[in-house]
């Protein structure tokens, strides 16, 4: 290991040997650790329990404070894949305020066990790094799925329905456990090798488990600004029964973006740092839709329910699950088979399922005339 470290600069050498804070020097060593052989060398004598359980396979991507690799569980008869998220700096140093969000994320994910929520396999401290082992998202997040794999600005209504139903099922479970996710957006929705949708990143989530019915809950300013509800932007105190509606507004923003390639209420990416300006736009602008016939009225009505500015009139998670548009998605995808091939899945979803969804909507709304076969998405 020492010989290998001599090939890189002094700071990188310290990181390899676990002598300093890797986060401080993260940018300088990022390229080095993208090499799978260098990472394996770093892990070799780092944590016996980790090395007994997992094998590193491929580099996936990196973020502001860590790297993600594809790995597999050793001795698994199916060679089960896992995502291995390496974080710079010891995550369990509770006295450091900057680590509290990461600690909270681990706590929430330990409690949540659902097919549409990223599963946690373990946590490991390795020298000056930490590793979270979780479900592996073969097809990345929704943003990557849409822009890189499918290369479409607008997804078809049927694909959006497929995605929405699974997000709702995951969120319904969260709220049964009295947890508000607080940061529903494309980057926090993952897609695994079986085309299952997984909610991830509970770092800013809030629990209202100890709140009694009829009590109030104070919302923090947390999440991603362009996806925040008016109540979060205002840091309001709301009835605890309405806590689930905070995620509904964020979901509505996500779906609007998937469908129309832009944010609702005339919001622009350039607004993201202006919290007051975002709130003013939401309050002053009416929800409108681009001039397109690609999406059904039922879908647009569903979005109106999610993006209602009035908290009391906004869909709850349970109302959203019973909406006619979602009932159609349940009907179609009730017997979803595990599909290992992305291309096969996409071909299937734009043939058989479009016809089924179209027939459902025609039966529900006799005057419905938009044909799903003319959709511009997948």
Protein backbone atom coordinates (compact mmCIF):
# COMPACT_ATOMS: atom_id res chain seq x y z
CA UNK A 1 0.00 0.00 0.00
CA UNK A 2 2.83 2.41 0.80
CA UNK A 3 4.44 1.81 -2.56
CA UNK A 4 1.16 2.56 -4.32
CA UNK A 5 0.64 5.76 -2.30
CA UNK A 6 4.04 7.02 -3.44
CA UNK A 7 2.54 7.42 -6.89
CA UNK A 8 0.24 10.21 -5.70
CA UNK A 9 0.73 13.45 -3.78
CA UNK A 10 1.33 13.83 -0.04
CA UNK A 11 -2.31 14.51 0.87
CA UNK A 12 -3.49 11.47 -1.08
CA UNK A 13 -0.93 9.36 0.72
CA UNK A 14 -2.30 10.49 4.07
CA UNK A 15 -5.83 9.62 3.00
CA UNK A 16 -4.80 6.16 1.85
CA UNK A 17 -3.19 5.55 5.20
CA UNK A 18 -6.16 7.00 7.11
CA UNK A 19 -4.02 9.76 8.68
CA UNK A 20 -6.09 12.86 7.89
CA UNK A 21 -9.56 14.10 7.03
CA UNK A 22 -10.30 12.75 3.52
CA UNK A 23 -13.13 15.23 2.95
CA UNK A 24 -10.69 18.14 3.08
CA UNK A 25 -8.68 16.66 0.24
CA UNK A 26 -11.58 15.00 -1.57
CA UNK A 27 -11.24 16.90 -4.82
CA UNK A 28 -7.57 16.06 -5.13
CA UNK A 29 -8.11 12.32 -4.70
CA UNK A 30 -11.45 11.84 -6.48
CA UNK A 31 -9.88 10.75 -9.75
CA UNK A 32 -7.51 8.43 -7.93
CA UNK A 33 -10.27 6.55 -6.14
CA UNK A 34 -12.38 6.20 -9.29
CA UNK A 35 -9.90 3.50 -10.23
CA UNK A 36 -11.45 0.36 -8.79
CA UNK A 37 -8.01 -1.15 -8.06
CA UNK A 38 -6.98 1.86 -5.98
CA UNK A 39 -10.20 1.68 -3.96
CA UNK A 40 -9.76 -2.06 -3.39
CA UNK A 41 -6.24 -1.41 -2.17
CA UNK A 42 -7.53 1.23 0.21
CA UNK A 43 -10.13 -1.19 1.61
CA UNK A 44 -7.85 -4.20 1.84
CA UNK A 45 -6.90 -3.78 5.49
CA UNK A 46 -9.57 -1.24 6.38
CA UNK A 47 -12.49 -3.19 7.85
CA UNK A 48 -12.58 -6.95 8.24
CA UNK A 49 -16.37 -7.11 8.57
CA UNK A 50 -16.87 -5.10 5.38
CA UNK A 51 -14.43 -7.25 3.43
CA UNK A 52 -16.11 -10.41 4.65
CA UNK A 53 -19.54 -9.24 3.46
CA UNK A 54 -18.97 -7.29 0.25
CA UNK A 55 -16.94 -7.30 -2.93
CA UNK A 56 -16.32 -4.09 -4.87
CA UNK A 57 -17.25 -4.33 -8.57
CA UNK A 58 -17.51 -0.98 -10.40
CA UNK A 59 -17.26 2.75 -9.84
CA UNK A 60 -20.66 4.44 -10.38
CA UNK A 61 -20.41 8.16 -9.60
CA UNK A 62 -19.28 10.76 -7.06
CA UNK A 63 -20.88 13.66 -5.24
CA UNK A 64 -19.85 16.56 -3.04
CA UNK A 65 -18.65 14.38 -0.16
CA UNK A 66 -18.40 10.80 -1.35
CA UNK A 67 -18.22 8.16 -4.03
CA UNK A 68 -20.66 5.40 -4.99
CA UNK A 69 -19.61 1.95 -6.18
CA UNK A 70 -21.49 -1.11 -7.30
CA UNK A 71 -20.73 -4.10 -5.15
CA UNK A 72 -22.08 -7.54 -4.45
CA UNK A 73 -22.83 -9.56 -1.34
CA UNK A 74 -20.28 -12.31 -0.94
CA UNK A 75 -21.60 -15.87 -0.82
CA UNK A 76 -24.97 -14.73 -2.19
CA UNK A 77 -26.42 -17.48 -4.42
CA UNK A 78 -27.81 -14.79 -6.73
CA UNK A 79 -24.72 -12.53 -6.58
CA UNK A 80 -27.00 -9.81 -5.19
CA UNK A 81 -25.82 -6.33 -6.06
CA UNK A 82 -25.57 -3.49 -3.54
CA UNK A 83 -24.75 0.19 -3.71
CA UNK A 84 -21.72 1.13 -1.61
CA UNK A 85 -21.69 4.81 -0.69
CA UNK A 86 -18.34 5.94 0.72
CA UNK A 87 -18.50 9.15 2.76
CA UNK A 88 -15.49 11.26 3.60
CA UNK A 89 -15.19 11.76 7.36
CA UNK A 90 -16.50 9.59 10.19
CA UNK A 91 -20.26 9.73 10.09
CA UNK A 92 -20.91 8.72 13.68
CA UNK A 93 -19.08 11.57 15.43
CA UNK A 94 -22.29 12.80 17.05
CA UNK A 95 -20.73 15.98 18.43
CA UNK A 96 -20.18 17.35 14.96
CA UNK A 97 -23.30 19.18 13.84
CA UNK A 98 -22.46 18.73 10.16
CA UNK A 99 -22.93 14.98 10.53
CA UNK A 100 -26.37 15.13 12.14
CA UNK A 101 -28.19 14.92 8.80
CA UNK A 102 -26.27 11.79 7.85
CA UNK A 103 -26.95 10.22 11.23
CA UNK A 104 -30.67 10.99 10.88
CA UNK A 105 -30.70 9.44 7.40
CA UNK A 106 -29.29 6.20 8.80
CA UNK A 107 -31.78 6.16 11.66
CA UNK A 108 -34.76 6.59 9.33
CA UNK A 109 -33.57 4.00 6.83
CA UNK A 110 -33.04 1.45 9.59
CA UNK A 111 -36.71 1.84 10.54
CA UNK A 112 -38.18 1.75 7.03
CA UNK A 113 -38.61 -1.57 5.24
CA UNK A 114 -40.55 -1.31 1.98
CA UNK A 115 -40.03 -2.37 -1.61
CA UNK A 116 -40.18 1.25 -2.78
CA UNK A 117 -37.70 2.61 -0.24
CA UNK A 118 -33.95 2.12 -0.54
CA UNK A 119 -32.99 -0.71 1.79
CA UNK A 120 -30.05 -0.43 4.18
CA UNK A 121 -27.70 -3.42 4.48
CA UNK A 122 -25.16 -2.03 6.88
CA UNK A 123 -22.87 0.75 7.98
CA UNK A 124 -19.08 0.47 8.25
CA UNK A 125 -16.26 2.71 9.43
CA UNK A 126 -13.16 2.23 7.32
CA UNK A 127 -10.13 4.26 8.41
CA UNK A 128 -11.22 7.89 7.99
CA UNK A 129 -14.11 7.00 5.71
CA UNK A 130 -17.56 5.58 6.28
CA UNK A 131 -19.53 3.28 4.03
CA UNK A 132 -23.29 2.80 3.76
CA UNK A 133 -24.34 -0.41 2.02
CA UNK A 134 -27.76 -0.10 0.40
CA UNK A 135 -29.92 -1.29 -2.48
CA UNK A 136 -28.16 -0.85 -5.81
CA UNK A 137 -29.86 1.39 -8.36
CA UNK A 138 -28.71 -0.03 -11.69
CA UNK A 139 -30.48 2.65 -13.74
CA UNK A 140 -29.57 5.55 -11.48
CA UNK A 141 -31.98 8.27 -10.42
CA UNK A 142 -34.95 9.63 -12.37
CA UNK A 143 -32.95 12.50 -13.80
CA UNK A 144 -30.31 10.15 -15.20
CA UNK A 145 -32.99 7.71 -16.37
CA UNK A 146 -34.81 10.42 -18.31
CA UNK A 147 -31.94 12.45 -19.72
CA UNK A 148 -29.24 9.83 -20.29
CA UNK A 149 -30.93 6.44 -20.75
CA UNK A 150 -34.16 7.48 -22.45
CA UNK A 151 -32.90 10.85 -23.70
CA UNK A 152 -36.37 12.41 -23.62
CA UNK A 153 -37.34 15.82 -22.28
CA UNK A 154 -40.88 14.60 -21.66
CA UNK A 155 -41.86 11.15 -20.42
CA UNK A 156 -45.02 9.47 -21.67
CA UNK A 157 -48.06 9.46 -19.42
CA UNK A 158 -47.94 5.69 -19.03
CA UNK A 159 -44.32 5.71 -17.83
CA UNK A 160 -45.14 8.58 -15.46
CA UNK A 161 -48.08 6.57 -14.10
CA UNK A 162 -45.78 3.58 -13.53
CA UNK A 163 -43.31 5.77 -11.62
CA UNK A 164 -45.96 7.70 -9.68
CA UNK A 165 -47.77 4.67 -8.34
CA UNK A 166 -44.59 3.27 -6.79
CA UNK A 167 -43.52 6.61 -5.31
CA UNK A 168 -46.97 6.94 -3.72
CA UNK A 169 -46.78 3.44 -2.27
CA UNK A 170 -43.40 4.26 -0.73
CA UNK A 171 -44.65 7.59 0.64
CA UNK A 172 -47.81 6.00 2.01
CA UNK A 173 -45.63 3.63 4.01
CA UNK A 174 -43.46 6.56 5.23
CA UNK A 175 -46.52 8.39 6.50
CA UNK A 176 -47.90 5.30 8.17
CA UNK A 177 -44.59 5.42 10.05
CA UNK A 178 -45.17 9.16 10.70
CA UNK A 179 -42.22 10.34 8.61
CA UNK A 180 -42.22 13.29 6.17
CA UNK A 181 -39.55 12.79 3.51
CA UNK A 182 -39.24 16.57 2.87
CA UNK A 183 -37.10 16.26 -0.27
CA UNK A 184 -38.97 14.41 -3.02
CA UNK A 185 -37.27 15.22 -6.34
CA UNK A 186 -35.84 13.38 -9.36
CA UNK A 187 -32.41 12.89 -7.79
CA UNK A 188 -33.93 11.13 -4.77
CA UNK A 189 -35.92 8.59 -6.78
CA UNK A 190 -33.83 5.59 -7.85
CA UNK A 191 -34.50 2.72 -10.28
CA UNK A 192 -33.10 -0.73 -9.59
CA UNK A 193 -32.29 -3.57 -11.98
CA UNK A 194 -35.86 -4.88 -11.79
CA UNK A 195 -37.31 -1.47 -12.71
CA UNK A 196 -38.54 -0.96 -9.15
CA UNK A 197 -38.79 2.67 -8.03
CA UNK A 198 -36.96 3.44 -4.76
CA UNK A 199 -37.17 6.55 -2.58
CA UNK A 200 -33.81 7.51 -1.09
CA UNK A 201 -32.06 10.24 0.94
CA UNK A 202 -33.80 10.79 4.28
CA UNK A 203 -31.20 13.31 5.47
CA UNK A 204 -33.72 16.16 5.96
CA UNK A 205 -36.74 14.00 6.80
CA UNK A 206 -38.89 14.76 9.83
CA UNK A 207 -40.70 12.45 12.22
CA UNK A 208 -44.06 13.34 13.73
CA UNK A 209 -44.35 10.03 15.55
CA UNK A 210 -44.65 11.70 18.95
CA UNK A 211 -47.29 14.22 17.86
CA UNK A 212 -50.84 13.55 18.98
CA UNK A 213 -53.80 13.98 16.65
CA UNK A 214 -55.07 17.52 16.86
CA UNK A 215 -51.65 18.90 17.75
CA UNK A 216 -49.43 21.21 15.70
CA UNK A 217 -46.18 20.46 13.86
CA UNK A 218 -43.59 23.17 13.14
CA UNK A 219 -42.06 22.79 9.69
CA UNK A 220 -38.35 23.51 9.20
CA UNK A 221 -37.02 25.15 6.06
CA UNK A 222 -35.63 21.93 4.62
CA UNK A 223 -35.44 20.23 1.26
CA UNK A 224 -34.82 21.57 -2.24
CA UNK A 225 -36.22 25.06 -2.73
CA UNK A 226 -37.95 24.60 -6.11
CA UNK A 227 -39.79 21.52 -4.78
CA UNK A 228 -40.83 22.99 -1.43
CA UNK A 229 -44.47 23.53 -0.55
CA UNK A 230 -45.67 27.03 0.46
CA UNK A 231 -45.90 25.87 4.08
CA UNK A 232 -42.25 24.80 4.17
CA UNK A 233 -41.11 28.02 2.49
CA UNK A 234 -43.08 29.91 5.17
CA UNK A 235 -41.84 27.65 8.02
CA UNK A 236 -45.47 27.30 9.09
CA UNK A 237 -46.95 25.45 12.01
CA UNK A 238 -49.51 23.00 10.58
CA UNK A 239 -52.00 20.47 11.89
CA UNK A 240 -50.24 17.16 12.35
CA UNK A 241 -52.93 15.47 10.23
CA UNK A 242 -51.70 17.52 7.25
CA UNK A 243 -48.04 16.53 7.51
CA UNK A 244 -48.35 14.02 4.67
CA UNK A 245 -49.48 16.79 2.29
CA UNK A 246 -46.02 18.38 2.36
CA UNK A 247 -44.63 15.48 0.30
CA UNK A 248 -47.64 15.64 -2.03
CA UNK A 249 -46.70 19.13 -3.21
CA UNK A 250 -43.10 18.07 -3.87
CA UNK A 251 -44.34 15.01 -5.75
CA UNK A 252 -46.59 17.21 -7.88
CA UNK A 253 -43.60 19.39 -8.77
CA UNK A 254 -41.55 16.33 -9.70
CA UNK A 255 -44.31 14.92 -11.95
CA UNK A 256 -44.94 18.28 -13.59
CA UNK A 257 -41.24 18.44 -14.39
CA UNK A 258 -41.18 14.90 -15.80
CA UNK A 259 -44.14 15.67 -18.05
CA UNK A 260 -43.48 19.20 -19.22
CA UNK A 261 -39.75 19.65 -18.71
CA UNK A 262 -40.22 22.72 -16.50
CA UNK A 263 -41.37 23.78 -13.04
CA UNK A 264 -44.96 24.75 -12.18
CA UNK A 265 -46.02 28.31 -11.33
CA UNK A 266 -43.52 29.74 -13.84
CA UNK A 267 -40.61 28.88 -11.56
CA UNK A 268 -37.16 28.89 -13.12
CA UNK A 269 -33.96 27.13 -12.10
CA UNK A 270 -32.44 30.59 -11.56
CA UNK A 271 -35.00 31.16 -8.75
CA UNK A 272 -33.56 28.36 -6.62
CA UNK A 273 -31.71 30.61 -4.13
CA UNK A 274 -34.53 33.13 -3.76
CA UNK A 275 -36.86 31.48 -1.24
CA UNK A 276 -39.02 34.56 -0.85
CA UNK A 277 -39.32 34.93 -4.63
CA UNK A 278 -40.34 31.27 -5.03
CA UNK A 279 -43.08 31.67 -2.43
CA UNK A 280 -44.33 34.86 -4.12
CA UNK A 281 -44.52 33.15 -7.51
CA UNK A 282 -46.44 30.20 -6.09
CA UNK A 283 -48.89 32.51 -4.34
CA UNK A 284 -49.34 34.88 -7.28
CA UNK A 285 -49.36 32.50 -10.26
CA UNK A 286 -52.14 30.09 -11.20
CA UNK A 287 -51.23 26.52 -12.03
CA UNK A 288 -51.24 26.23 -15.82
CA UNK A 289 -50.13 23.62 -18.33
CA UNK A 290 -48.15 24.05 -21.56
CA UNK A 291 -50.28 23.95 -24.68
CA UNK A 292 -50.04 20.24 -25.44
CA UNK A 293 -52.54 17.45 -26.04
CA UNK A 294 -50.09 14.76 -24.99
CA UNK A 295 -51.49 14.32 -21.50
CA UNK A 296 -54.99 13.43 -20.36
CA UNK A 297 -57.31 15.65 -18.35
CA UNK A 298 -57.28 13.03 -15.60
CA UNK A 299 -53.53 13.39 -15.25
CA UNK A 300 -53.77 17.19 -15.17
CA UNK A 301 -56.52 17.01 -12.56
CA UNK A 302 -54.31 14.72 -10.50
CA UNK A 303 -51.51 17.31 -10.68
CA UNK A 304 -53.97 20.04 -9.62
CA UNK A 305 -54.82 17.99 -6.54
CA UNK A 306 -51.16 17.59 -5.61
CA UNK A 307 -50.18 21.19 -6.34
CA UNK A 308 -53.11 22.89 -4.64
CA UNK A 309 -51.71 25.94 -2.84
CA UNK A 310 -54.31 25.61 -0.10
CA UNK A 311 -53.04 23.00 2.33
CA UNK A 312 -56.52 21.98 3.44
CA UNK A 313 -57.67 21.41 -0.15
CA UNK A 314 -54.51 19.62 -1.30
CA UNK A 315 -54.56 15.85 -1.79
CA UNK A 316 -53.53 13.79 1.18
CA UNK A 317 -51.51 10.66 0.43
CA UNK A 318 -54.68 8.59 0.87
CA UNK A 319 -56.75 10.80 -1.45
CA UNK A 320 -53.99 10.62 -4.06
CA UNK A 321 -54.01 6.81 -3.89
CA UNK A 322 -57.75 6.80 -4.64
CA UNK A 323 -57.64 9.32 -7.48
CA UNK A 324 -59.10 7.97 -10.77
CA UNK A 325 -55.81 8.43 -12.60
CA UNK A 326 -53.93 6.40 -9.99
CA UNK A 327 -56.67 3.76 -9.91
CA UNK A 328 -55.98 3.27 -13.60
CA UNK A 329 -52.27 2.84 -12.89
CA UNK A 330 -53.10 0.26 -10.19
CA UNK A 331 -55.25 -1.64 -12.67
CA UNK A 332 -52.47 -1.79 -15.25
CA UNK A 333 -49.43 -2.44 -13.08
CA UNK A 334 -51.03 -4.66 -10.45
CA UNK A 335 -49.38 -7.75 -11.88
CA UNK A 336 -46.05 -6.15 -12.84
CA UNK A 337 -43.49 -8.84 -13.56
CA UNK A 338 -39.83 -8.41 -12.75
CA UNK A 339 -38.16 -7.33 -15.96
CA UNK A 340 -34.40 -7.50 -16.21
CA UNK A 341 -34.07 -5.78 -19.56
CA UNK A 342 -34.69 -2.03 -19.82
CA UNK A 343 -35.39 -2.09 -23.56
CA UNK A 344 -37.91 -4.91 -23.15
CA UNK A 345 -39.62 -2.96 -20.37
CA UNK A 346 -39.89 0.21 -22.43
CA UNK A 347 -41.23 -1.63 -25.47
CA UNK A 348 -43.82 -3.35 -23.29
CA UNK A 349 -44.89 -0.17 -21.53
CA UNK A 350 -45.60 1.67 -24.79
CA UNK A 351 -47.64 -1.10 -26.38
CA UNK A 352 -49.80 -3.26 -24.14
CA UNK A 353 -49.95 -0.83 -21.24
CA UNK A 354 -50.77 2.23 -23.33
CA UNK A 355 -53.78 0.38 -24.76
CA UNK A 356 -54.91 -0.73 -21.30
CA UNK A 357 -54.53 2.75 -19.81
CA UNK A 358 -56.25 4.35 -22.79
CA UNK A 359 -59.18 1.93 -22.52
CA UNK A 360 -59.47 2.60 -18.79
CA UNK A 361 -59.61 6.35 -19.27
CA UNK A 362 -62.15 6.06 -22.08
CA UNK A 363 -64.40 4.00 -19.87
CA UNK A 364 -64.02 6.39 -16.98
CA UNK A 365 -64.52 9.51 -19.09
CA UNK A 366 -66.73 8.80 -22.14
CA UNK A 367 -65.77 12.14 -23.68
CA UNK A 368 -62.05 11.45 -23.28
CA UNK A 369 -60.44 11.57 -26.73
CA UNK A 370 -56.68 11.99 -26.31
CA UNK A 371 -54.86 8.97 -27.69
CA UNK A 372 -51.88 7.73 -25.69
CA UNK A 373 -50.36 6.34 -28.88
CA UNK A 374 -49.57 9.90 -29.90
CA UNK A 375 -47.50 10.66 -26.80
CA UNK A 376 -44.15 12.24 -27.45
CA UNK A 377 -42.32 10.47 -24.65
CA UNK A 378 -41.14 6.93 -24.35
